[in-house]
Amino acid sequence: MPYNLCIVIVNYKTPQLLLDCLESLLPELEDNWVIAVVDNASNDNSVTIVENWILKHNQPDNIKLIRSPVNSGFSGGNNIGIKTVQADHYLLLNSDALVRKGAIQTMLNAISREKKVGLIAPRLEWLDGTPQESCFNYHTPISELIGSAKTGLITKIFKKFVVAQPVSEISRPYCWVSFACVMVKAEVFNAIGFLDEGYFMYFEDVEFCRRAKKAGWEIWQEPASHIVHLRGGSSPVKAQAKLRKRLPRYYYESRTRFFFQAYGRVGLLCANLLWELGWSIASFRSLLSPSYMPDTSEKQWRDILINFLNPLKPYIHPDNYGK
């Protein structure tokens, strides 16, 4: 008999965040729910720490610890958990998340009400309750212009192409939602397959949602469900972007892969050209106003060209060479 719900958490060198996440989950567990922790070849003391935590809390049946021999990224790690445990529903949950009381049951109730809803996400928020942007329109070539130009006039003209959507207080559908926390029916995986492991990290959520929508599934957010997202996990992307530091190569490889899969070679070229145009506009603006700084990362103008000639080349984590 399958579980009603399997909660999949991928860990990569975040043992304390993982324990905090598990502590928040424990009071919420219902009969016929299970947690699958996938350690993505952390090669630190994460596995031992989790094993000791499971023994301390006497939870050998409710929590499965799965060791991956390689770091297969967000998609690969989650796929391991999904394939290992048979369930009717899967909750993909970041290790840097904390579960508010009743949040998971609220999502489960909501996704069970509507047959066409295949994915449902909660309201993501900071520890103080401030909501985070977590529901989106698709990335398009025009949204690349908006993002790099960061100019009010351009944003206003192309408003319908803005990716991040305003926080809503009502349950409603979106093009895609953040996979920091998302519930997915097993039927969706059975129909369209698993997460694309060609994405090491980033853009796998929008790609999967796009595939699901093309297959007829709806993607909703349930704002009555609250999950804290600390954004302190395995990836430095958001922190580095905020400081305008150079982003990891895997971010750009995932970006290239998505635009090629979604819009083809011409669409990828247009996305890159429009990004460069927006960056040029922002750079010119900074010359006129020294206090203005373009909202782009170091060497981003060059890095967006990564894998242009081979857009489907999968990323290999440095730890995995020779394995």
C-alpha atoms as a PDB file:
ATOM      1  CA  MET A   1       0.000   0.000   0.000  1.00  0.00           C
ATOM      2  CA  PRO A   2       1.399   3.433  -0.906  1.00  0.00           C
ATOM      3  CA  TYR A   3       1.694   6.186   1.672  1.00  0.00           C
ATOM      4  CA  ASN A   4      -0.799   9.024   1.405  1.00  0.00           C
ATOM      5  CA  LEU A   5       2.062  11.546   1.531  1.00  0.00           C
ATOM      6  CA  CYS A   6       5.833  11.366   1.181  1.00  0.00           C
ATOM      7  CA  ILE A   7       7.761  14.477   2.239  1.00  0.00           C
ATOM      8  CA  VAL A   8      11.046  14.607   0.300  1.00  0.00           C
ATOM      9  CA  ILE A   9      13.876  16.724   1.712  1.00  0.00           C
ATOM     10  CA  VAL A  10      17.216  16.928  -0.103  1.00  0.00           C
ATOM     11  CA  ASN A  11      20.225  17.769   2.054  1.00  0.00           C
ATOM     12  CA  TYR A  12      23.617  19.002   0.937  1.00  0.00           C
ATOM     13  CA  LYS A  13      25.825  20.107   3.809  1.00  0.00           C
ATOM     14  CA  THR A  14      23.010  21.808   5.767  1.00  0.00           C
ATOM     15  CA  PRO A  15      22.658  19.502   8.805  1.00  0.00           C
ATOM     16  CA  GLN A  16      21.478  22.122  11.318  1.00  0.00           C
ATOM     17  CA  LEU A  17      18.904  23.591   8.928  1.00  0.00           C
ATOM     18  CA  LEU A  18      17.732  20.056   8.198  1.00  0.00           C
ATOM     19  CA  LEU A  19      17.284  19.253  11.898  1.00  0.00           C
ATOM     20  CA  ASP A  20      15.300  22.463  12.427  1.00  0.00           C
ATOM     21  CA  CYS A  21      13.117  21.517   9.464  1.00  0.00           C
ATOM     22  CA  LEU A  22      12.558  18.005  10.839  1.00  0.00           C
ATOM     23  CA  GLU A  23      11.713  19.389  14.286  1.00  0.00           C
ATOM     24  CA  SER A  24       9.006  21.570  12.728  1.00  0.00           C
ATOM     25  CA  LEU A  25       7.673  18.593  10.761  1.00  0.00           C
ATOM     26  CA  LEU A  26       7.487  16.059  13.555  1.00  0.00           C
ATOM     27  CA  PRO A  27       4.336  17.409  15.286  1.00  0.00           C
ATOM     28  CA  GLU A  28       2.575  17.609  11.908  1.00  0.00           C
ATOM     29  CA  LEU A  29       3.078  13.990  10.842  1.00  0.00           C
ATOM     30  CA  GLU A  30      -0.089  11.975  10.335  1.00  0.00           C
ATOM     31  CA  ASP A  31      -0.596   8.250   9.974  1.00  0.00           C
ATOM     32  CA  ASN A  32       0.375   7.081   6.501  1.00  0.00           C
ATOM     33  CA  TRP A  33       2.805   9.974   6.013  1.00  0.00           C
ATOM     34  CA  VAL A  34       6.545   9.443   5.684  1.00  0.00           C
ATOM     35  CA  ILE A  35       9.628  11.656   5.404  1.00  0.00           C
ATOM     36  CA  ALA A  36      12.365  10.756   2.907  1.00  0.00           C
ATOM     37  CA  VAL A  37      15.637  12.578   3.575  1.00  0.00           C
ATOM     38  CA  VAL A  38      18.028  12.308   0.630  1.00  0.00           C
ATOM     39  CA  ASP A  39      21.622  13.176   1.452  1.00  0.00           C
ATOM     40  CA  ASN A  40      23.202  14.380  -1.788  1.00  0.00           C
ATOM     41  CA  ALA A  41      26.742  13.121  -1.087  1.00  0.00           C
ATOM     42  CA  SER A  42      27.401  15.843   1.491  1.00  0.00           C
ATOM     43  CA  ASN A  43      30.623  14.130   2.590  1.00  0.00           C
ATOM     44  CA  ASP A  44      30.363  15.827   5.974  1.00  0.00           C
ATOM     45  CA  ASN A  45      28.695  14.667   9.180  1.00  0.00           C
ATOM     46  CA  SER A  46      25.139  15.203   7.912  1.00  0.00           C
ATOM     47  CA  VAL A  47      24.245  11.506   7.703  1.00  0.00           C
ATOM     48  CA  THR A  48      25.488  10.742  11.209  1.00  0.00           C
ATOM     49  CA  ILE A  49      23.650  13.752  12.635  1.00  0.00           C
ATOM     50  CA  VAL A  50      20.364  12.711  11.021  1.00  0.00           C
ATOM     51  CA  GLU A  51      20.794   9.080  12.087  1.00  0.00           C
ATOM     52  CA  ASN A  52      21.306  10.185  15.689  1.00  0.00           C
ATOM     53  CA  TRP A  53      18.293  12.490  15.483  1.00  0.00           C
ATOM     54  CA  ILE A  54      16.085   9.648  14.201  1.00  0.00           C
ATOM     55  CA  LEU A  55      17.210   7.388  17.063  1.00  0.00           C
ATOM     56  CA  LYS A  56      16.760  10.145  19.637  1.00  0.00           C
ATOM     57  CA  HIS A  57      13.182  10.772  18.540  1.00  0.00           C
ATOM     58  CA  ASN A  58      12.415   7.081  18.060  1.00  0.00           C
ATOM     59  CA  GLN A  59      11.260   7.597  14.472  1.00  0.00           C
ATOM     60  CA  PRO A  60      12.703   4.621  12.536  1.00  0.00           C
ATOM     61  CA  ASP A  61       9.473   4.007  10.605  1.00  0.00           C
ATOM     62  CA  ASN A  62       8.431   7.589   9.826  1.00  0.00           C
ATOM     63  CA  ILE A  63      11.745   8.791   8.410  1.00  0.00           C
ATOM     64  CA  LYS A  64      13.791   7.141   5.670  1.00  0.00           C
ATOM     65  CA  LEU A  65      17.386   8.292   5.227  1.00  0.00           C
ATOM     66  CA  ILE A  66      18.634   7.746   1.688  1.00  0.00           C
ATOM     67  CA  ARG A  67      22.311   8.202   0.806  1.00  0.00           C
ATOM     68  CA  SER A  68      23.103   9.272  -2.741  1.00  0.00           C
ATOM     69  CA  PRO A  69      26.627   8.330  -3.900  1.00  0.00           C
ATOM     70  CA  VAL A  70      26.829  11.523  -5.982  1.00  0.00           C
ATOM     71  CA  ASN A  71      25.528  15.073  -5.745  1.00  0.00           C
ATOM     72  CA  SER A  72      22.865  14.994  -8.443  1.00  0.00           C
ATOM     73  CA  GLY A  73      21.478  18.439  -7.669  1.00  0.00           C
ATOM     74  CA  PHE A  74      17.959  19.506  -6.766  1.00  0.00           C
ATOM     75  CA  SER A  75      16.213  17.522  -9.497  1.00  0.00           C
ATOM     76  CA  GLY A  76      18.254  14.358  -9.090  1.00  0.00           C
ATOM     77  CA  GLY A  77      18.034  14.370  -5.308  1.00  0.00           C
ATOM     78  CA  ASN A  78      14.272  14.811  -5.283  1.00  0.00           C
ATOM     79  CA  ASN A  79      13.851  12.153  -7.961  1.00  0.00           C
ATOM     80  CA  ILE A  80      15.704   9.670  -5.752  1.00  0.00           C
ATOM     81  CA  GLY A  81      13.234  10.276  -2.938  1.00  0.00           C
ATOM     82  CA  ILE A  82      10.208  10.113  -5.229  1.00  0.00           C
ATOM     83  CA  LYS A  83      11.344   6.871  -6.869  1.00  0.00           C
ATOM     84  CA  THR A  84      12.285   5.223  -3.568  1.00  0.00           C
ATOM     85  CA  VAL A  85       8.972   5.764  -1.761  1.00  0.00           C
ATOM     86  CA  GLN A  86       5.587   4.941  -3.265  1.00  0.00           C
ATOM     87  CA  ALA A  87       2.955   7.528  -2.313  1.00  0.00           C
ATOM     88  CA  ASP A  88      -0.200   9.205  -3.616  1.00  0.00           C
ATOM     89  CA  HIS A  89       1.212  12.685  -3.004  1.00  0.00           C
ATOM     90  CA  TYR A  90       4.725  14.088  -2.675  1.00  0.00           C
ATOM     91  CA  LEU A  91       5.769  17.236  -0.843  1.00  0.00           C
ATOM     92  CA  LEU A  92       9.116  18.574  -2.057  1.00  0.00           C
ATOM     93  CA  LEU A  93      10.470  20.615   0.844  1.00  0.00           C
ATOM     94  CA  ASN A  94      13.724  22.556   1.147  1.00  0.00           C
ATOM     95  CA  SER A  95      15.944  21.835   4.117  1.00  0.00           C
ATOM     96  CA  ASP A  96      15.903  25.586   4.882  1.00  0.00           C
ATOM     97  CA  ALA A  97      12.133  25.551   5.471  1.00  0.00           C
ATOM     98  CA  LEU A  98      10.089  25.498   8.668  1.00  0.00           C
ATOM     99  CA  VAL A  99       6.544  24.149   8.669  1.00  0.00           C
ATOM    100  CA  ARG A 100       3.810  26.199  10.326  1.00  0.00           C
ATOM    101  CA  LYS A 101       1.052  24.361  12.180  1.00  0.00           C
ATOM    102  CA  GLY A 102      -1.488  22.761   9.832  1.00  0.00           C
ATOM    103  CA  ALA A 103       0.291  23.925   6.671  1.00  0.00           C
ATOM    104  CA  ILE A 104       0.788  20.503   5.102  1.00  0.00           C
ATOM    105  CA  GLN A 105      -2.704  19.229   5.867  1.00  0.00           C
ATOM    106  CA  THR A 106      -4.132  22.441   4.394  1.00  0.00           C
ATOM    107  CA  MET A 107      -2.243  21.819   1.140  1.00  0.00           C
ATOM    108  CA  LEU A 108      -3.293  18.174   1.092  1.00  0.00           C
ATOM    109  CA  ASN A 109      -6.948  19.105   1.560  1.00  0.00           C
ATOM    110  CA  ALA A 110      -6.746  21.722  -1.189  1.00  0.00           C
ATOM    111  CA  ILE A 111      -5.042  19.498  -3.771  1.00  0.00           C
ATOM    112  CA  SER A 112      -7.523  16.695  -3.075  1.00  0.00           C
ATOM    113  CA  ARG A 113     -10.571  18.897  -3.756  1.00  0.00           C
ATOM    114  CA  GLU A 114      -9.850  19.550  -7.427  1.00  0.00           C
ATOM    115  CA  LYS A 115      -9.095  16.728  -9.847  1.00  0.00           C
ATOM    116  CA  LYS A 116      -7.340  19.023 -12.348  1.00  0.00           C
ATOM    117  CA  VAL A 117      -4.967  20.527  -9.772  1.00  0.00           C
ATOM    118  CA  GLY A 118      -1.707  18.601 -10.005  1.00  0.00           C
ATOM    119  CA  LEU A 119       0.582  20.892  -8.024  1.00  0.00           C
ATOM    120  CA  ILE A 120      -0.116  23.192  -5.104  1.00  0.00           C
ATOM    121  CA  ALA A 121       2.204  25.533  -3.232  1.00  0.00           C
ATOM    122  CA  PRO A 122       1.892  27.310   0.108  1.00  0.00           C
ATOM    123  CA  ARG A 123       2.492  30.924   0.977  1.00  0.00           C
ATOM    124  CA  LEU A 124       6.237  31.208   1.568  1.00  0.00           C
ATOM    125  CA  GLU A 125       7.219  33.721   4.215  1.00  0.00           C
ATOM    126  CA  TRP A 126      10.054  34.970   6.364  1.00  0.00           C
ATOM    127  CA  LEU A 127      10.281  34.047  10.026  1.00  0.00           C
ATOM    128  CA  ASP A 128       8.429  37.250  10.991  1.00  0.00           C
ATOM    129  CA  GLY A 129       5.521  36.366   8.684  1.00  0.00           C
ATOM    130  CA  THR A 130       6.424  38.737   5.847  1.00  0.00           C
ATOM    131  CA  PRO A 131       5.398  37.018   2.573  1.00  0.00           C
ATOM    132  CA  GLN A 132       7.904  36.156  -0.140  1.00  0.00           C
ATOM    133  CA  GLU A 133       7.317  36.232  -3.893  1.00  0.00           C
ATOM    134  CA  SER A 134       6.848  32.582  -4.798  1.00  0.00           C
ATOM    135  CA  CYS A 135       4.362  32.496  -7.711  1.00  0.00           C
ATOM    136  CA  PHE A 136       5.306  33.469 -11.225  1.00  0.00           C
ATOM    137  CA  ASN A 137       4.667  33.992 -14.910  1.00  0.00           C
ATOM    138  CA  TYR A 138       6.947  32.162 -17.330  1.00  0.00           C
ATOM    139  CA  HIS A 139      10.397  33.455 -18.149  1.00  0.00           C
ATOM    140  CA  THR A 140      10.344  34.823 -21.706  1.00  0.00           C
ATOM    141  CA  PRO A 141      12.808  36.737 -23.878  1.00  0.00           C
ATOM    142  CA  ILE A 142      10.909  39.931 -23.015  1.00  0.00           C
ATOM    143  CA  SER A 143      11.125  39.208 -19.297  1.00  0.00           C
ATOM    144  CA  GLU A 144      14.911  39.071 -19.754  1.00  0.00           C
ATOM    145  CA  LEU A 145      14.802  42.642 -21.078  1.00  0.00           C
ATOM    146  CA  ILE A 146      12.689  43.718 -18.095  1.00  0.00           C
ATOM    147  CA  GLY A 147      14.966  42.014 -15.596  1.00  0.00           C
ATOM    148  CA  SER A 148      18.257  43.421 -16.861  1.00  0.00           C
ATOM    149  CA  ALA A 149      17.011  46.942 -17.660  1.00  0.00           C
ATOM    150  CA  LYS A 150      15.250  47.410 -14.297  1.00  0.00           C
ATOM    151  CA  THR A 151      13.702  50.584 -15.707  1.00  0.00           C
ATOM    152  CA  GLY A 152      10.225  51.665 -14.694  1.00  0.00           C
ATOM    153  CA  LEU A 153       9.116  52.619 -18.201  1.00  0.00           C
ATOM    154  CA  ILE A 154      10.119  49.277 -19.750  1.00  0.00           C
ATOM    155  CA  THR A 155       8.526  47.362 -16.873  1.00  0.00           C
ATOM    156  CA  LYS A 156       5.308  49.352 -17.320  1.00  0.00           C
ATOM    157  CA  ILE A 157       5.179  48.830 -21.091  1.00  0.00           C
ATOM    158  CA  PHE A 158       5.700  45.061 -20.779  1.00  0.00           C
ATOM    159  CA  LYS A 159       3.856  44.613 -17.481  1.00  0.00           C
ATOM    160  CA  LYS A 160       2.174  41.361 -18.499  1.00  0.00           C
ATOM    161  CA  PHE A 161       5.604  39.760 -19.020  1.00  0.00           C
ATOM    162  CA  VAL A 162       6.869  40.498 -15.488  1.00  0.00           C
ATOM    163  CA  VAL A 163       7.837  37.148 -13.946  1.00  0.00           C
ATOM    164  CA  ALA A 164       7.292  37.628 -10.191  1.00  0.00           C
ATOM    165  CA  GLN A 165       3.611  38.005  -9.327  1.00  0.00           C
ATOM    166  CA  PRO A 166       2.150  40.005  -6.420  1.00  0.00           C
ATOM    167  CA  VAL A 167       1.371  38.119  -3.226  1.00  0.00           C
ATOM    168  CA  SER A 168      -2.285  37.048  -3.240  1.00  0.00           C
ATOM    169  CA  GLU A 169      -4.582  36.384  -0.299  1.00  0.00           C
ATOM    170  CA  ILE A 170      -6.834  34.089  -2.316  1.00  0.00           C
ATOM    171  CA  SER A 171      -6.179  30.650  -3.754  1.00  0.00           C
ATOM    172  CA  ARG A 172      -5.587  30.908  -7.503  1.00  0.00           C
ATOM    173  CA  PRO A 173      -3.673  29.325 -10.413  1.00  0.00           C
ATOM    174  CA  TYR A 174      -0.260  30.419 -11.689  1.00  0.00           C
ATOM    175  CA  CYS A 175       2.101  29.461 -14.497  1.00  0.00           C
ATOM    176  CA  TRP A 176       4.637  28.133 -12.008  1.00  0.00           C
ATOM    177  CA  VAL A 177       5.487  28.186  -8.327  1.00  0.00           C
ATOM    178  CA  SER A 178       8.654  27.950  -6.274  1.00  0.00           C
ATOM    179  CA  PHE A 179       9.743  24.404  -5.514  1.00  0.00           C
ATOM    180  CA  ALA A 180      11.128  25.451  -2.127  1.00  0.00           C
ATOM    181  CA  CYS A 181       7.875  23.811  -1.061  1.00  0.00           C
ATOM    182  CA  VAL A 182       5.397  22.229  -3.442  1.00  0.00           C
ATOM    183  CA  MET A 183       2.966  19.326  -3.272  1.00  0.00           C
ATOM    184  CA  VAL A 184       2.613  17.141  -6.362  1.00  0.00           C
ATOM    185  CA  LYS A 185       0.159  14.348  -7.081  1.00  0.00           C
ATOM    186  CA  ALA A 186       1.783  11.044  -7.999  1.00  0.00           C
ATOM    187  CA  GLU A 187      -0.459  11.048 -11.085  1.00  0.00           C
ATOM    188  CA  VAL A 188       1.512  14.009 -12.422  1.00  0.00           C
ATOM    189  CA  PHE A 189       4.819  12.137 -12.250  1.00  0.00           C
ATOM    190  CA  ASN A 190       3.156   9.096 -13.804  1.00  0.00           C
ATOM    191  CA  ALA A 191       1.868  11.244 -16.666  1.00  0.00           C
ATOM    192  CA  ILE A 192       4.831  13.497 -17.517  1.00  0.00           C
ATOM    193  CA  GLY A 193       7.853  11.926 -15.835  1.00  0.00           C
ATOM    194  CA  PHE A 194      10.136  13.191 -13.096  1.00  0.00           C
ATOM    195  CA  LEU A 195      12.117  16.392 -12.687  1.00  0.00           C
ATOM    196  CA  ASP A 196      14.588  16.962 -15.525  1.00  0.00           C
ATOM    197  CA  GLU A 197      17.998  16.002 -14.133  1.00  0.00           C
ATOM    198  CA  GLY A 198      19.684  18.073 -16.824  1.00  0.00           C
ATOM    199  CA  TYR A 199      18.994  20.970 -14.447  1.00  0.00           C
ATOM    200  CA  PHE A 200      21.420  20.809 -11.543  1.00  0.00           C
ATOM    201  CA  MET A 201      19.707  23.665  -9.718  1.00  0.00           C
ATOM    202  CA  TYR A 202      17.355  26.494 -10.768  1.00  0.00           C
ATOM    203  CA  PHE A 203      14.799  26.573 -13.593  1.00  0.00           C
ATOM    204  CA  GLU A 204      13.832  22.927 -12.935  1.00  0.00           C
ATOM    205  CA  ASP A 205      10.667  24.152 -11.231  1.00  0.00           C
ATOM    206  CA  VAL A 206       9.488  26.325 -14.113  1.00  0.00           C
ATOM    207  CA  GLU A 207      10.366  23.571 -16.618  1.00  0.00           C
ATOM    208  CA  PHE A 208       8.409  20.944 -14.682  1.00  0.00           C
ATOM    209  CA  CYS A 209       5.414  23.250 -14.234  1.00  0.00           C
ATOM    210  CA  ARG A 210       5.454  24.103 -17.936  1.00  0.00           C
ATOM    211  CA  ARG A 211       5.415  20.401 -18.783  1.00  0.00           C
ATOM    212  CA  ALA A 212       2.582  19.763 -16.330  1.00  0.00           C
ATOM    213  CA  LYS A 213       0.452  22.592 -17.720  1.00  0.00           C
ATOM    214  CA  LYS A 214       0.990  21.361 -21.285  1.00  0.00           C
ATOM    215  CA  ALA A 215      -0.338  17.984 -20.118  1.00  0.00           C
ATOM    216  CA  GLY A 216      -3.506  19.629 -18.753  1.00  0.00           C
ATOM    217  CA  TRP A 217      -2.668  19.972 -15.049  1.00  0.00           C
ATOM    218  CA  GLU A 218      -3.340  23.150 -13.091  1.00  0.00           C
ATOM    219  CA  ILE A 219      -0.878  24.731 -10.646  1.00  0.00           C
ATOM    220  CA  TRP A 220      -2.283  26.609  -7.661  1.00  0.00           C
ATOM    221  CA  GLN A 221      -1.153  28.397  -4.544  1.00  0.00           C
ATOM    222  CA  GLU A 222      -3.011  27.934  -1.253  1.00  0.00           C
ATOM    223  CA  PRO A 223      -2.209  31.065   0.835  1.00  0.00           C
ATOM    224  CA  ALA A 224      -3.905  29.588   3.926  1.00  0.00           C
ATOM    225  CA  SER A 225      -0.906  27.252   4.160  1.00  0.00           C
ATOM    226  CA  HIS A 226       2.159  29.005   5.595  1.00  0.00           C
ATOM    227  CA  ILE A 227       5.740  27.759   5.259  1.00  0.00           C
ATOM    228  CA  VAL A 228       8.791  29.684   6.468  1.00  0.00           C
ATOM    229  CA  HIS A 229      11.568  29.800   3.862  1.00  0.00           C
ATOM    230  CA  LEU A 230      14.840  30.929   5.433  1.00  0.00           C
ATOM    231  CA  ARG A 231      16.778  30.998   2.143  1.00  0.00           C
ATOM    232  CA  GLY A 232      19.911  29.794   3.842  1.00  0.00           C
ATOM    233  CA  GLY A 233      20.320  26.442   2.143  1.00  0.00           C
ATOM    234  CA  SER A 234      22.771  24.747  -0.182  1.00  0.00           C
ATOM    235  CA  SER A 235      22.884  27.371  -2.933  1.00  0.00           C
ATOM    236  CA  PRO A 236      24.690  30.741  -2.745  1.00  0.00           C
ATOM    237  CA  VAL A 237      22.837  32.187  -5.767  1.00  0.00           C
ATOM    238  CA  LYS A 238      20.419  34.547  -4.002  1.00  0.00           C
ATOM    239  CA  ALA A 239      23.054  35.848  -1.584  1.00  0.00           C
ATOM    240  CA  GLN A 240      25.565  36.435  -4.378  1.00  0.00           C
ATOM    241  CA  ALA A 241      22.965  38.092  -6.612  1.00  0.00           C
ATOM    242  CA  LYS A 242      22.059  40.489  -3.802  1.00  0.00           C
ATOM    243  CA  LEU A 243      25.726  41.464  -3.492  1.00  0.00           C
ATOM    244  CA  ARG A 244      26.083  41.565  -7.309  1.00  0.00           C
ATOM    245  CA  LYS A 245      28.766  38.895  -7.141  1.00  0.00           C
ATOM    246  CA  ARG A 246      29.338  36.365  -9.908  1.00  0.00           C
ATOM    247  CA  LEU A 247      26.776  33.556  -9.898  1.00  0.00           C
ATOM    248  CA  PRO A 248      27.691  29.842 -10.121  1.00  0.00           C
ATOM    249  CA  ARG A 249      28.036  28.338 -13.575  1.00  0.00           C
ATOM    250  CA  TYR A 250      25.155  25.925 -12.978  1.00  0.00           C
ATOM    251  CA  TYR A 251      22.706  28.838 -12.763  1.00  0.00           C
ATOM    252  CA  TYR A 252      23.520  29.953 -16.313  1.00  0.00           C
ATOM    253  CA  GLU A 253      23.611  26.404 -17.649  1.00  0.00           C
ATOM    254  CA  SER A 254      20.083  25.905 -16.302  1.00  0.00           C
ATOM    255  CA  ARG A 255      18.941  29.223 -17.766  1.00  0.00           C
ATOM    256  CA  THR A 256      20.289  28.303 -21.194  1.00  0.00           C
ATOM    257  CA  ARG A 257      18.704  24.850 -21.022  1.00  0.00           C
ATOM    258  CA  PHE A 258      15.287  26.287 -20.132  1.00  0.00           C
ATOM    259  CA  PHE A 259      15.170  28.934 -22.854  1.00  0.00           C
ATOM    260  CA  PHE A 260      16.322  26.422 -25.466  1.00  0.00           C
ATOM    261  CA  GLN A 261      13.737  23.825 -24.403  1.00  0.00           C
ATOM    262  CA  ALA A 262      10.935  26.374 -24.151  1.00  0.00           C
ATOM    263  CA  TYR A 263      11.630  28.592 -27.170  1.00  0.00           C
ATOM    264  CA  GLY A 264      14.233  26.864 -29.338  1.00  0.00           C
ATOM    265  CA  ARG A 265      17.564  28.189 -30.590  1.00  0.00           C
ATOM    266  CA  VAL A 266      16.035  31.420 -31.928  1.00  0.00           C
ATOM    267  CA  GLY A 267      14.212  32.036 -28.648  1.00  0.00           C
ATOM    268  CA  LEU A 268      17.425  31.501 -26.680  1.00  0.00           C
ATOM    269  CA  LEU A 269      19.243  33.944 -28.961  1.00  0.00           C
ATOM    270  CA  CYS A 270      16.448  36.511 -28.530  1.00  0.00           C
ATOM    271  CA  ALA A 271      16.546  36.066 -24.747  1.00  0.00           C
ATOM    272  CA  ASN A 272      20.296  36.734 -24.714  1.00  0.00           C
ATOM    273  CA  LEU A 273      20.086  39.723 -27.065  1.00  0.00           C
ATOM    274  CA  LEU A 274      17.235  41.304 -25.112  1.00  0.00           C
ATOM    275  CA  TRP A 275      19.082  40.757 -21.847  1.00  0.00           C
ATOM    276  CA  GLU A 276      22.141  42.491 -23.322  1.00  0.00           C
ATOM    277  CA  LEU A 277      19.927  45.355 -24.537  1.00  0.00           C
ATOM    278  CA  GLY A 278      18.451  45.787 -21.070  1.00  0.00           C
ATOM    279  CA  TRP A 279      21.908  45.664 -19.509  1.00  0.00           C
ATOM    280  CA  SER A 280      23.104  48.356 -21.950  1.00  0.00           C
ATOM    281  CA  ILE A 281      20.149  50.559 -20.983  1.00  0.00           C
ATOM    282  CA  ALA A 282      20.912  50.095 -17.285  1.00  0.00           C
ATOM    283  CA  SER A 283      24.619  50.780 -17.840  1.00  0.00           C
ATOM    284  CA  PHE A 284      23.868  53.982 -19.768  1.00  0.00           C
ATOM    285  CA  ARG A 285      21.528  55.077 -16.988  1.00  0.00           C
ATOM    286  CA  SER A 286      24.316  54.564 -14.441  1.00  0.00           C
ATOM    287  CA  LEU A 287      26.539  56.944 -16.447  1.00  0.00           C
ATOM    288  CA  LEU A 288      23.885  59.651 -16.217  1.00  0.00           C
ATOM    289  CA  SER A 289      23.242  58.992 -12.542  1.00  0.00           C
ATOM    290  CA  PRO A 290      26.322  57.774 -10.626  1.00  0.00           C
ATOM    291  CA  SER A 291      24.142  56.799  -7.647  1.00  0.00           C
ATOM    292  CA  TYR A 292      22.297  54.254  -9.813  1.00  0.00           C
ATOM    293  CA  MET A 293      23.765  50.749 -10.023  1.00  0.00           C
ATOM    294  CA  PRO A 294      22.609  48.167 -12.607  1.00  0.00           C
ATOM    295  CA  ASP A 295      20.925  45.244 -10.858  1.00  0.00           C
ATOM    296  CA  THR A 296      23.130  42.628 -12.476  1.00  0.00           C
ATOM    297  CA  SER A 297      25.781  40.258 -11.187  1.00  0.00           C
ATOM    298  CA  GLU A 298      29.489  40.409 -11.932  1.00  0.00           C
ATOM    299  CA  LYS A 299      30.305  39.250 -15.491  1.00  0.00           C
ATOM    300  CA  GLN A 300      26.662  38.363 -16.111  1.00  0.00           C
ATOM    301  CA  TRP A 301      26.829  40.022 -19.524  1.00  0.00           C
ATOM    302  CA  ARG A 302      29.265  37.268 -20.519  1.00  0.00           C
ATOM    303  CA  ASP A 303      27.969  34.370 -18.451  1.00  0.00           C
ATOM    304  CA  ILE A 304      24.520  34.343 -20.061  1.00  0.00           C
ATOM    305  CA  LEU A 305      26.244  32.941 -23.165  1.00  0.00           C
ATOM    306  CA  ILE A 306      27.349  29.803 -21.277  1.00  0.00           C
ATOM    307  CA  ASN A 307      26.366  26.624 -23.170  1.00  0.00           C
ATOM    308  CA  PHE A 308      24.791  28.582 -26.029  1.00  0.00           C
ATOM    309  CA  LEU A 309      26.327  26.177 -28.563  1.00  0.00           C
ATOM    310  CA  ASN A 310      25.470  23.110 -26.470  1.00  0.00           C
ATOM    311  CA  PRO A 311      22.361  24.102 -24.477  1.00  0.00           C
ATOM    312  CA  LEU A 312      21.412  20.600 -23.326  1.00  0.00           C
ATOM    313  CA  LYS A 313      24.816  19.756 -21.890  1.00  0.00           C
ATOM    314  CA  PRO A 314      24.176  18.532 -18.326  1.00  0.00           C
ATOM    315  CA  TYR A 315      26.015  20.099 -15.416  1.00  0.00           C
ATOM    316  CA  ILE A 316      28.443  17.855 -13.537  1.00  0.00           C
ATOM    317  CA  HIS A 317      29.196  18.876  -9.964  1.00  0.00           C
ATOM    318  CA  PRO A 318      32.972  19.026  -9.315  1.00  0.00           C
ATOM    319  CA  ASP A 319      32.566  16.478  -6.494  1.00  0.00           C
ATOM    320  CA  ASN A 320      31.243  13.950  -9.017  1.00  0.00           C
ATOM    321  CA  TYR A 321      34.155  13.842 -11.450  1.00  0.00           C
ATOM    322  CA  GLY A 322      35.541  10.325 -11.622  1.00  0.00           C
ATOM    323  CA  LYS A 323      32.499   8.736  -9.972  1.00  0.00           C
END
